[in-house]
Amino acid sequence: MVSLLLLVLAGFSSQASAACTRDLLKEATASYIAALGSGEGPTAISDLAQDSLIYQENDAELDITEGVLSAPIKIDFSRSIYDTTECASYTEIVATTGHPYVIGTRLALDADNKIYKIESNVCETGDWLFDAKGTLDYNQERRTGEAHLPRRSCDLARR
């Protein structure tokens, strides 16, 4: 009986995680980045978010209308990774114009494919070792440098 119950529960958990796709995470992340750029974050992502959305900046819970999503940011660089197992994305954002920022944001989606939590680490002028321009230069250098790396065969990677 217990093993049957575990089998049924395992089936439900795989169905929930199967609903989370890379395309879903890319769409939610692209909407978040667009909302950050427009400064209309709270309204721009309202269709994608739970009513009880948890919004945090620098580990402090905030009202979403008071955070970085509330003012437009000119984004110079962004890069995202997607975790379909946890149904979450992580995005690095660099802005050097106007009010400079380096922001790392994790979006977490629930089983209904709604954003239930936004966690951001927001770095700006005055923060220890803050250098948005240096971060932008480093990321652009890495992006172009990666194109020139030699491809490795599977056999070499296994050694």
N, C-alpha and C. Protein backbone atom coordinates (compact mmCIF):
# COMPACT_ATOMS: atom_id res chain seq x y z
N MET A 1 0.82 -1.19 0.00
CA MET A 1 0.00 0.00 0.00
C MET A 1 0.86 1.26 0.00
N VAL A 2 1.89 1.27 0.85
CA VAL A 2 2.78 2.42 0.93
C VAL A 2 3.50 2.62 -0.40
N SER A 3 3.95 1.53 -1.01
CA SER A 3 4.67 1.66 -2.28
C SER A 3 3.75 2.18 -3.38
N LEU A 4 2.47 1.79 -3.36
CA LEU A 4 1.52 2.30 -4.33
C LEU A 4 1.32 3.80 -4.15
N LEU A 5 1.21 4.23 -2.90
CA LEU A 5 1.06 5.66 -2.60
C LEU A 5 2.28 6.44 -3.08
N LEU A 6 3.47 5.92 -2.84
CA LEU A 6 4.69 6.58 -3.30
C LEU A 6 4.74 6.66 -4.82
N LEU A 7 4.30 5.61 -5.49
CA LEU A 7 4.27 5.60 -6.95
C LEU A 7 3.32 6.68 -7.48
N VAL A 8 2.15 6.79 -6.87
CA VAL A 8 1.18 7.81 -7.28
C VAL A 8 1.74 9.21 -7.04
N LEU A 9 2.33 9.44 -5.87
CA LEU A 9 2.92 10.74 -5.57
C LEU A 9 4.06 11.07 -6.52
N ALA A 10 4.87 10.10 -6.87
CA ALA A 10 5.96 10.32 -7.83
C ALA A 10 5.40 10.72 -9.18
N GLY A 11 4.29 10.13 -9.57
CA GLY A 11 3.65 10.48 -10.83
C GLY A 11 3.17 11.91 -10.85
N PHE A 12 2.58 12.36 -9.72
CA PHE A 12 2.13 13.75 -9.62
C PHE A 12 3.30 14.71 -9.67
N SER A 13 4.39 14.40 -9.00
CA SER A 13 5.53 15.32 -9.00
C SER A 13 6.15 15.41 -10.38
N SER A 14 6.19 14.32 -11.13
CA SER A 14 6.76 14.39 -12.47
C SER A 14 5.85 15.17 -13.41
N GLN A 15 4.52 15.09 -13.18
CA GLN A 15 3.60 15.89 -14.00
C GLN A 15 3.79 17.37 -13.72
N ALA A 16 3.99 17.73 -12.46
CA ALA A 16 4.18 19.14 -12.11
C ALA A 16 5.46 19.68 -12.72
N SER A 17 6.55 18.91 -12.64
CA SER A 17 7.80 19.40 -13.19
C SER A 17 7.81 19.35 -14.71
N ALA A 18 7.02 18.44 -15.30
CA ALA A 18 6.96 18.36 -16.75
C ALA A 18 6.29 19.60 -17.34
N ALA A 19 5.42 20.24 -16.57
CA ALA A 19 4.73 21.43 -17.06
C ALA A 19 5.68 22.62 -17.19
N CYS A 20 6.80 22.58 -16.50
CA CYS A 20 7.76 23.67 -16.55
C CYS A 20 8.74 23.41 -17.70
N THR A 21 8.69 24.27 -18.69
CA THR A 21 9.56 24.10 -19.85
C THR A 21 10.54 25.27 -19.95
N ARG A 22 11.56 25.04 -20.72
CA ARG A 22 12.54 26.09 -20.98
C ARG A 22 11.86 27.29 -21.65
N ASP A 23 10.96 27.02 -22.59
CA ASP A 23 10.26 28.11 -23.27
C ASP A 23 9.41 28.94 -22.30
N LEU A 24 8.76 28.27 -21.36
CA LEU A 24 7.98 28.98 -20.34
C LEU A 24 8.88 29.89 -19.52
N LEU A 25 10.02 29.37 -19.08
CA LEU A 25 10.96 30.17 -18.29
C LEU A 25 11.53 31.32 -19.10
N LYS A 26 11.84 31.06 -20.38
CA LYS A 26 12.36 32.13 -21.24
C LYS A 26 11.33 33.25 -21.40
N GLU A 27 10.07 32.87 -21.57
CA GLU A 27 9.01 33.86 -21.73
C GLU A 27 8.83 34.69 -20.46
N ALA A 28 8.79 34.04 -19.32
CA ALA A 28 8.64 34.77 -18.05
C ALA A 28 9.83 35.70 -17.81
N THR A 29 11.03 35.21 -18.11
CA THR A 29 12.24 36.00 -17.91
C THR A 29 12.28 37.19 -18.87
N ALA A 30 11.92 36.97 -20.12
CA ALA A 30 11.89 38.07 -21.10
C ALA A 30 10.88 39.14 -20.67
N SER A 31 9.75 38.71 -20.13
CA SER A 31 8.75 39.67 -19.64
C SER A 31 9.29 40.46 -18.46
N TYR A 32 10.01 39.79 -17.57
CA TYR A 32 10.61 40.47 -16.42
C TYR A 32 11.63 41.51 -16.89
N ILE A 33 12.49 41.13 -17.83
CA ILE A 33 13.52 42.05 -18.34
C ILE A 33 12.86 43.26 -19.02
N ALA A 34 11.81 43.01 -19.81
CA ALA A 34 11.08 44.10 -20.46
C ALA A 34 10.43 45.01 -19.41
N ALA A 35 9.89 44.41 -18.36
CA ALA A 35 9.27 45.20 -17.29
C ALA A 35 10.30 46.06 -16.57
N LEU A 36 11.48 45.51 -16.37
CA LEU A 36 12.56 46.26 -15.73
C LEU A 36 12.97 47.44 -16.60
N GLY A 37 13.04 47.23 -17.90
CA GLY A 37 13.41 48.30 -18.82
C GLY A 37 12.35 49.39 -18.94
N SER A 38 11.09 49.01 -18.80
CA SER A 38 10.01 49.99 -18.96
C SER A 38 9.70 50.77 -17.69
N GLY A 39 10.05 50.21 -16.54
CA GLY A 39 9.71 50.85 -15.28
C GLY A 39 8.27 50.61 -14.87
N GLU A 40 7.57 49.79 -15.64
CA GLU A 40 6.18 49.46 -15.33
C GLU A 40 6.08 48.03 -14.80
N GLY A 41 7.09 47.63 -14.07
CA GLY A 41 7.21 46.26 -13.60
C GLY A 41 5.98 45.67 -12.96
N PRO A 42 5.43 46.32 -11.94
CA PRO A 42 4.29 45.72 -11.26
C PRO A 42 3.12 45.43 -12.19
N THR A 43 2.79 46.35 -13.07
CA THR A 43 1.67 46.11 -13.99
C THR A 43 2.09 45.25 -15.17
N ALA A 44 3.34 45.37 -15.61
CA ALA A 44 3.79 44.62 -16.77
C ALA A 44 3.87 43.11 -16.52
N ILE A 45 4.10 42.71 -15.28
CA ILE A 45 4.19 41.27 -15.00
C ILE A 45 2.98 40.74 -14.23
N SER A 46 1.96 41.57 -14.03
CA SER A 46 0.83 41.15 -13.19
C SER A 46 0.13 39.91 -13.74
N ASP A 47 0.05 39.75 -15.06
CA ASP A 47 -0.58 38.56 -15.63
C ASP A 47 0.25 37.30 -15.41
N LEU A 48 1.55 37.47 -15.21
CA LEU A 48 2.45 36.33 -15.05
C LEU A 48 2.67 35.93 -13.60
N ALA A 49 2.23 36.78 -12.67
CA ALA A 49 2.56 36.57 -11.25
C ALA A 49 1.33 36.18 -10.43
N GLN A 50 1.62 35.46 -9.36
CA GLN A 50 0.58 35.14 -8.38
C GLN A 50 0.12 36.43 -7.70
N ASP A 51 -1.09 36.42 -7.19
CA ASP A 51 -1.57 37.57 -6.42
C ASP A 51 -0.75 37.75 -5.15
N SER A 52 -0.25 36.65 -4.60
CA SER A 52 0.54 36.70 -3.35
C SER A 52 2.04 36.65 -3.64
N LEU A 53 2.46 37.32 -4.70
CA LEU A 53 3.86 37.34 -5.11
C LEU A 53 4.77 37.81 -3.97
N ILE A 54 5.86 37.09 -3.76
CA ILE A 54 6.88 37.49 -2.79
C ILE A 54 7.97 38.21 -3.57
N TYR A 55 8.25 39.45 -3.20
CA TYR A 55 9.26 40.25 -3.89
C TYR A 55 10.34 40.65 -2.89
N GLN A 56 11.58 40.31 -3.21
CA GLN A 56 12.69 40.62 -2.31
C GLN A 56 13.82 41.30 -3.08
N GLU A 57 14.42 42.27 -2.43
CA GLU A 57 15.66 42.87 -2.92
C GLU A 57 16.66 42.81 -1.78
N ASN A 58 17.84 42.30 -2.07
CA ASN A 58 18.91 42.18 -1.08
C ASN A 58 18.42 41.51 0.20
N ASP A 59 17.67 40.43 0.03
CA ASP A 59 17.14 39.59 1.12
C ASP A 59 16.12 40.28 2.01
N ALA A 60 15.60 41.41 1.59
CA ALA A 60 14.55 42.10 2.35
C ALA A 60 13.27 42.11 1.52
N GLU A 61 12.17 41.70 2.14
CA GLU A 61 10.90 41.70 1.42
C GLU A 61 10.42 43.14 1.25
N LEU A 62 10.03 43.47 0.02
CA LEU A 62 9.57 44.82 -0.32
C LEU A 62 8.25 44.76 -1.05
N ASP A 63 7.57 45.88 -1.07
CA ASP A 63 6.43 46.05 -1.96
C ASP A 63 7.02 46.21 -3.36
N ILE A 64 6.50 45.48 -4.32
CA ILE A 64 7.06 45.49 -5.67
C ILE A 64 7.02 46.89 -6.30
N THR A 65 6.12 47.75 -5.85
CA THR A 65 6.03 49.10 -6.40
C THR A 65 7.13 50.02 -5.90
N GLU A 66 7.93 49.56 -4.93
CA GLU A 66 9.00 50.39 -4.37
C GLU A 66 10.39 49.94 -4.80
N GLY A 67 10.51 48.85 -5.50
CA GLY A 67 11.82 48.32 -5.86
C GLY A 67 12.30 48.79 -7.22
N VAL A 68 13.34 48.13 -7.72
CA VAL A 68 13.94 48.52 -9.00
C VAL A 68 12.98 48.36 -10.17
N LEU A 69 11.95 47.56 -10.01
CA LEU A 69 10.97 47.41 -11.08
C LEU A 69 10.09 48.64 -11.27
N SER A 70 10.17 49.58 -10.34
CA SER A 70 9.27 50.74 -10.38
C SER A 70 9.81 51.91 -11.20
N ALA A 71 11.06 51.86 -11.63
CA ALA A 71 11.65 52.94 -12.43
C ALA A 71 12.36 52.32 -13.63
N PRO A 72 12.26 52.93 -14.81
CA PRO A 72 12.90 52.34 -15.99
C PRO A 72 14.42 52.29 -15.86
N ILE A 73 14.98 51.20 -16.34
CA ILE A 73 16.43 51.00 -16.34
C ILE A 73 16.86 50.70 -17.77
N LYS A 74 17.88 51.40 -18.25
CA LYS A 74 18.42 51.10 -19.58
C LYS A 74 19.39 49.93 -19.41
N ILE A 75 18.99 48.78 -19.91
CA ILE A 75 19.76 47.56 -19.74
C ILE A 75 20.79 47.45 -20.86
N ASP A 76 22.06 47.35 -20.47
CA ASP A 76 23.15 47.21 -21.44
C ASP A 76 23.48 45.75 -21.72
N PHE A 77 23.21 44.90 -20.76
CA PHE A 77 23.58 43.48 -20.89
C PHE A 77 22.68 42.64 -19.99
N SER A 78 22.29 41.50 -20.51
CA SER A 78 21.59 40.53 -19.65
C SER A 78 21.94 39.13 -20.13
N ARG A 79 21.95 38.23 -19.18
CA ARG A 79 22.20 36.82 -19.49
C ARG A 79 21.36 36.01 -18.51
N SER A 80 20.70 34.96 -19.01
CA SER A 80 19.82 34.15 -18.17
C SER A 80 20.16 32.68 -18.30
N ILE A 81 19.91 31.96 -17.21
CA ILE A 81 19.97 30.50 -17.23
C ILE A 81 18.63 30.00 -16.70
N TYR A 82 18.25 28.79 -17.14
CA TYR A 82 16.92 28.27 -16.85
C TYR A 82 17.03 26.89 -16.21
N ASP A 83 16.29 26.70 -15.13
CA ASP A 83 16.29 25.44 -14.39
C ASP A 83 14.87 24.87 -14.43
N THR A 84 14.63 23.93 -15.34
CA THR A 84 13.29 23.36 -15.47
C THR A 84 12.95 22.42 -14.33
N THR A 85 13.94 21.90 -13.63
CA THR A 85 13.68 21.03 -12.48
C THR A 85 13.07 21.82 -11.34
N GLU A 86 13.65 22.98 -11.03
CA GLU A 86 13.14 23.85 -9.96
C GLU A 86 12.13 24.86 -10.48
N CYS A 87 11.94 24.91 -11.78
CA CYS A 87 11.07 25.88 -12.45
C CYS A 87 11.44 27.30 -12.02
N ALA A 88 12.69 27.65 -12.30
CA ALA A 88 13.21 28.96 -11.93
C ALA A 88 14.22 29.43 -12.97
N SER A 89 14.42 30.72 -13.02
CA SER A 89 15.46 31.28 -13.88
C SER A 89 16.34 32.19 -13.04
N TYR A 90 17.56 32.37 -13.51
CA TYR A 90 18.47 33.33 -12.88
C TYR A 90 18.97 34.25 -13.98
N THR A 91 18.87 35.55 -13.75
CA THR A 91 19.26 36.53 -14.75
C THR A 91 20.22 37.55 -14.17
N GLU A 92 21.30 37.79 -14.91
CA GLU A 92 22.25 38.84 -14.56
C GLU A 92 21.95 40.03 -15.46
N ILE A 93 21.83 41.20 -14.87
CA ILE A 93 21.49 42.42 -15.62
C ILE A 93 22.51 43.49 -15.27
N VAL A 94 23.02 44.17 -16.30
CA VAL A 94 23.98 45.25 -16.09
C VAL A 94 23.45 46.50 -16.78
N ALA A 95 23.42 47.59 -16.04
CA ALA A 95 23.01 48.89 -16.58
C ALA A 95 24.08 49.91 -16.20
N THR A 96 24.62 50.61 -17.19
CA THR A 96 25.69 51.57 -16.91
C THR A 96 25.25 53.01 -17.13
N THR A 97 24.12 53.23 -17.77
CA THR A 97 23.65 54.57 -18.10
C THR A 97 22.65 55.04 -17.05
N GLY A 98 22.68 56.35 -16.77
CA GLY A 98 21.76 56.88 -15.76
C GLY A 98 22.15 56.37 -14.38
N HIS A 99 21.25 55.65 -13.75
CA HIS A 99 21.52 55.04 -12.45
C HIS A 99 22.11 53.65 -12.72
N PRO A 100 23.42 53.47 -12.52
CA PRO A 100 24.03 52.17 -12.84
C PRO A 100 23.66 51.09 -11.82
N TYR A 101 23.45 49.89 -12.36
CA TYR A 101 23.11 48.73 -11.53
C TYR A 101 23.81 47.49 -12.06
N VAL A 102 24.05 46.55 -11.17
CA VAL A 102 24.30 45.15 -11.51
C VAL A 102 23.29 44.38 -10.67
N ILE A 103 22.41 43.65 -11.34
CA ILE A 103 21.31 42.98 -10.66
C ILE A 103 21.34 41.50 -10.99
N GLY A 104 21.22 40.69 -9.99
CA GLY A 104 21.05 39.26 -10.17
C GLY A 104 19.67 38.89 -9.67
N THR A 105 18.84 38.32 -10.55
CA THR A 105 17.44 38.04 -10.18
C THR A 105 17.10 36.58 -10.41
N ARG A 106 16.43 36.01 -9.43
CA ARG A 106 15.89 34.65 -9.55
C ARG A 106 14.38 34.75 -9.59
N LEU A 107 13.78 34.22 -10.66
CA LEU A 107 12.33 34.11 -10.76
C LEU A 107 11.96 32.67 -10.47
N ALA A 108 11.02 32.45 -9.57
CA ALA A 108 10.55 31.10 -9.25
C ALA A 108 9.08 30.99 -9.63
N LEU A 109 8.74 29.94 -10.39
CA LEU A 109 7.37 29.73 -10.84
C LEU A 109 6.75 28.54 -10.11
N ASP A 110 5.44 28.61 -9.92
CA ASP A 110 4.73 27.54 -9.23
C ASP A 110 4.19 26.51 -10.23
N ALA A 111 3.42 25.55 -9.74
CA ALA A 111 2.87 24.49 -10.59
C ALA A 111 1.87 25.02 -11.60
N ASP A 112 1.31 26.22 -11.36
CA ASP A 112 0.39 26.84 -12.30
C ASP A 112 1.11 27.75 -13.30
N ASN A 113 2.44 27.67 -13.29
CA ASN A 113 3.28 28.47 -14.19
C ASN A 113 3.16 29.97 -13.95
N LYS A 114 2.95 30.34 -12.71
CA LYS A 114 2.91 31.74 -12.31
C LYS A 114 4.14 32.05 -11.46
N ILE A 115 4.66 33.26 -11.61
CA ILE A 115 5.79 33.68 -10.78
C ILE A 115 5.27 33.86 -9.35
N TYR A 116 5.87 33.12 -8.43
CA TYR A 116 5.45 33.26 -7.03
C TYR A 116 6.51 33.97 -6.20
N LYS A 117 7.74 34.07 -6.74
CA LYS A 117 8.79 34.73 -5.98
C LYS A 117 9.80 35.38 -6.92
N ILE A 118 10.16 36.61 -6.62
CA ILE A 118 11.23 37.33 -7.32
C ILE A 118 12.24 37.72 -6.25
N GLU A 119 13.46 37.21 -6.41
CA GLU A 119 14.54 37.53 -5.48
C GLU A 119 15.65 38.23 -6.26
N SER A 120 15.98 39.44 -5.88
CA SER A 120 17.01 40.19 -6.58
C SER A 120 18.11 40.63 -5.64
N ASN A 121 19.33 40.52 -6.12
CA ASN A 121 20.48 41.10 -5.44
C ASN A 121 20.81 42.34 -6.26
N VAL A 122 20.55 43.51 -5.70
CA VAL A 122 20.68 44.77 -6.43
C VAL A 122 21.91 45.50 -5.93
N CYS A 123 22.88 45.68 -6.82
CA CYS A 123 24.11 46.40 -6.48
C CYS A 123 24.12 47.72 -7.25
N GLU A 124 24.53 48.77 -6.56
CA GLU A 124 24.55 50.09 -7.19
C GLU A 124 25.69 50.92 -6.63
N THR A 125 25.85 52.13 -7.16
CA THR A 125 26.92 53.03 -6.73
C THR A 125 26.90 53.15 -5.20
N GLY A 126 28.09 53.05 -4.62
CA GLY A 126 28.21 53.11 -3.17
C GLY A 126 28.35 51.74 -2.53
N ASP A 127 27.97 50.70 -3.24
CA ASP A 127 28.15 49.34 -2.72
C ASP A 127 29.61 48.94 -2.87
N TRP A 128 30.06 48.08 -1.99
CA TRP A 128 31.46 47.66 -1.94
C TRP A 128 31.90 47.06 -3.27
N LEU A 129 32.99 47.57 -3.82
CA LEU A 129 33.59 47.12 -5.08
C LEU A 129 32.65 47.20 -6.27
N PHE A 130 31.66 48.08 -6.22
CA PHE A 130 30.71 48.21 -7.32
C PHE A 130 31.37 48.85 -8.53
N ASP A 131 31.19 48.23 -9.70
CA ASP A 131 31.74 48.75 -10.95
C ASP A 131 30.90 48.21 -12.11
N ALA A 132 29.81 48.88 -12.42
CA ALA A 132 28.91 48.41 -13.48
C ALA A 132 29.63 48.39 -14.83
N LYS A 133 30.42 49.41 -15.13
CA LYS A 133 31.13 49.46 -16.41
C LYS A 133 32.13 48.31 -16.51
N GLY A 134 32.86 48.05 -15.44
CA GLY A 134 33.80 46.94 -15.43
C GLY A 134 33.10 45.60 -15.61
N THR A 135 31.94 45.44 -14.98
CA THR A 135 31.16 44.21 -15.12
C THR A 135 30.67 44.06 -16.55
N LEU A 136 30.22 45.16 -17.15
CA LEU A 136 29.77 45.12 -18.54
C LEU A 136 30.93 44.75 -19.47
N ASP A 137 32.07 45.41 -19.30
CA ASP A 137 33.24 45.11 -20.13
C ASP A 137 33.64 43.64 -20.01
N TYR A 138 33.67 43.14 -18.78
CA TYR A 138 34.05 41.74 -18.54
C TYR A 138 33.09 40.78 -19.24
N ASN A 139 31.80 41.04 -19.13
CA ASN A 139 30.81 40.16 -19.76
C ASN A 139 30.86 40.22 -21.27
N GLN A 140 31.08 41.40 -21.83
CA GLN A 140 31.19 41.51 -23.28
C GLN A 140 32.45 40.82 -23.79
N GLU A 141 33.53 40.92 -23.04
CA GLU A 141 34.78 40.24 -23.38
C GLU A 141 34.58 38.73 -23.37
N ARG A 142 33.92 38.24 -22.34
CA ARG A 142 33.65 36.80 -22.22
C ARG A 142 32.76 36.32 -23.35
N ARG A 143 31.76 37.12 -23.70
CA ARG A 143 30.82 36.71 -24.75
C ARG A 143 31.54 36.55 -26.08
N THR A 144 32.40 37.50 -26.43
CA THR A 144 33.11 37.40 -27.70
C THR A 144 34.21 36.35 -27.62
N GLY A 145 34.84 36.19 -26.48
CA GLY A 145 35.90 35.21 -26.31
C GLY A 145 35.40 33.79 -26.42
N GLU A 146 34.17 33.53 -26.00
CA GLU A 146 33.64 32.18 -26.04
C GLU A 146 33.51 31.67 -27.47
N ALA A 147 33.27 32.57 -28.40
CA ALA A 147 33.10 32.15 -29.79
C ALA A 147 34.39 31.60 -30.38
N HIS A 148 35.52 31.94 -29.78
CA HIS A 148 36.81 31.52 -30.32
C HIS A 148 37.40 30.31 -29.61
N LEU A 149 36.69 29.77 -28.62
CA LEU A 149 37.21 28.60 -27.92
C LEU A 149 37.14 27.38 -28.83
N PRO A 150 38.16 26.54 -28.81
CA PRO A 150 38.11 25.34 -29.65
C PRO A 150 37.06 24.37 -29.11
N ARG A 151 36.41 23.65 -30.01
CA ARG A 151 35.45 22.63 -29.60
C ARG A 151 36.21 21.40 -29.14
N ARG A 152 35.70 20.78 -28.09
CA ARG A 152 36.34 19.57 -27.58
C ARG A 152 35.49 18.37 -27.95
N SER A 153 36.16 17.30 -28.30
CA SER A 153 35.40 16.09 -28.59
C SER A 153 35.00 15.44 -27.27
N CYS A 154 34.00 14.59 -27.33
CA CYS A 154 33.54 13.89 -26.12
C CYS A 154 34.65 13.05 -25.52
N ASP A 155 35.50 12.47 -26.37
CA ASP A 155 36.58 11.62 -25.87
C ASP A 155 37.58 12.43 -25.04
N LEU A 156 37.90 13.64 -25.48
CA LEU A 156 38.84 14.47 -24.72
C LEU A 156 38.22 14.93 -23.40
N ALA A 157 36.93 15.21 -23.42
CA ALA A 157 36.27 15.68 -22.21
C ALA A 157 36.20 14.60 -21.14
N ARG A 158 36.21 13.33 -21.54
CA ARG A 158 36.11 12.22 -20.59
C ARG A 158 37.43 11.90 -19.92
N ARG A 159 38.53 12.34 -20.46
CA ARG A 159 39.85 12.00 -19.91
C ARG A 159 40.17 12.70 -18.64
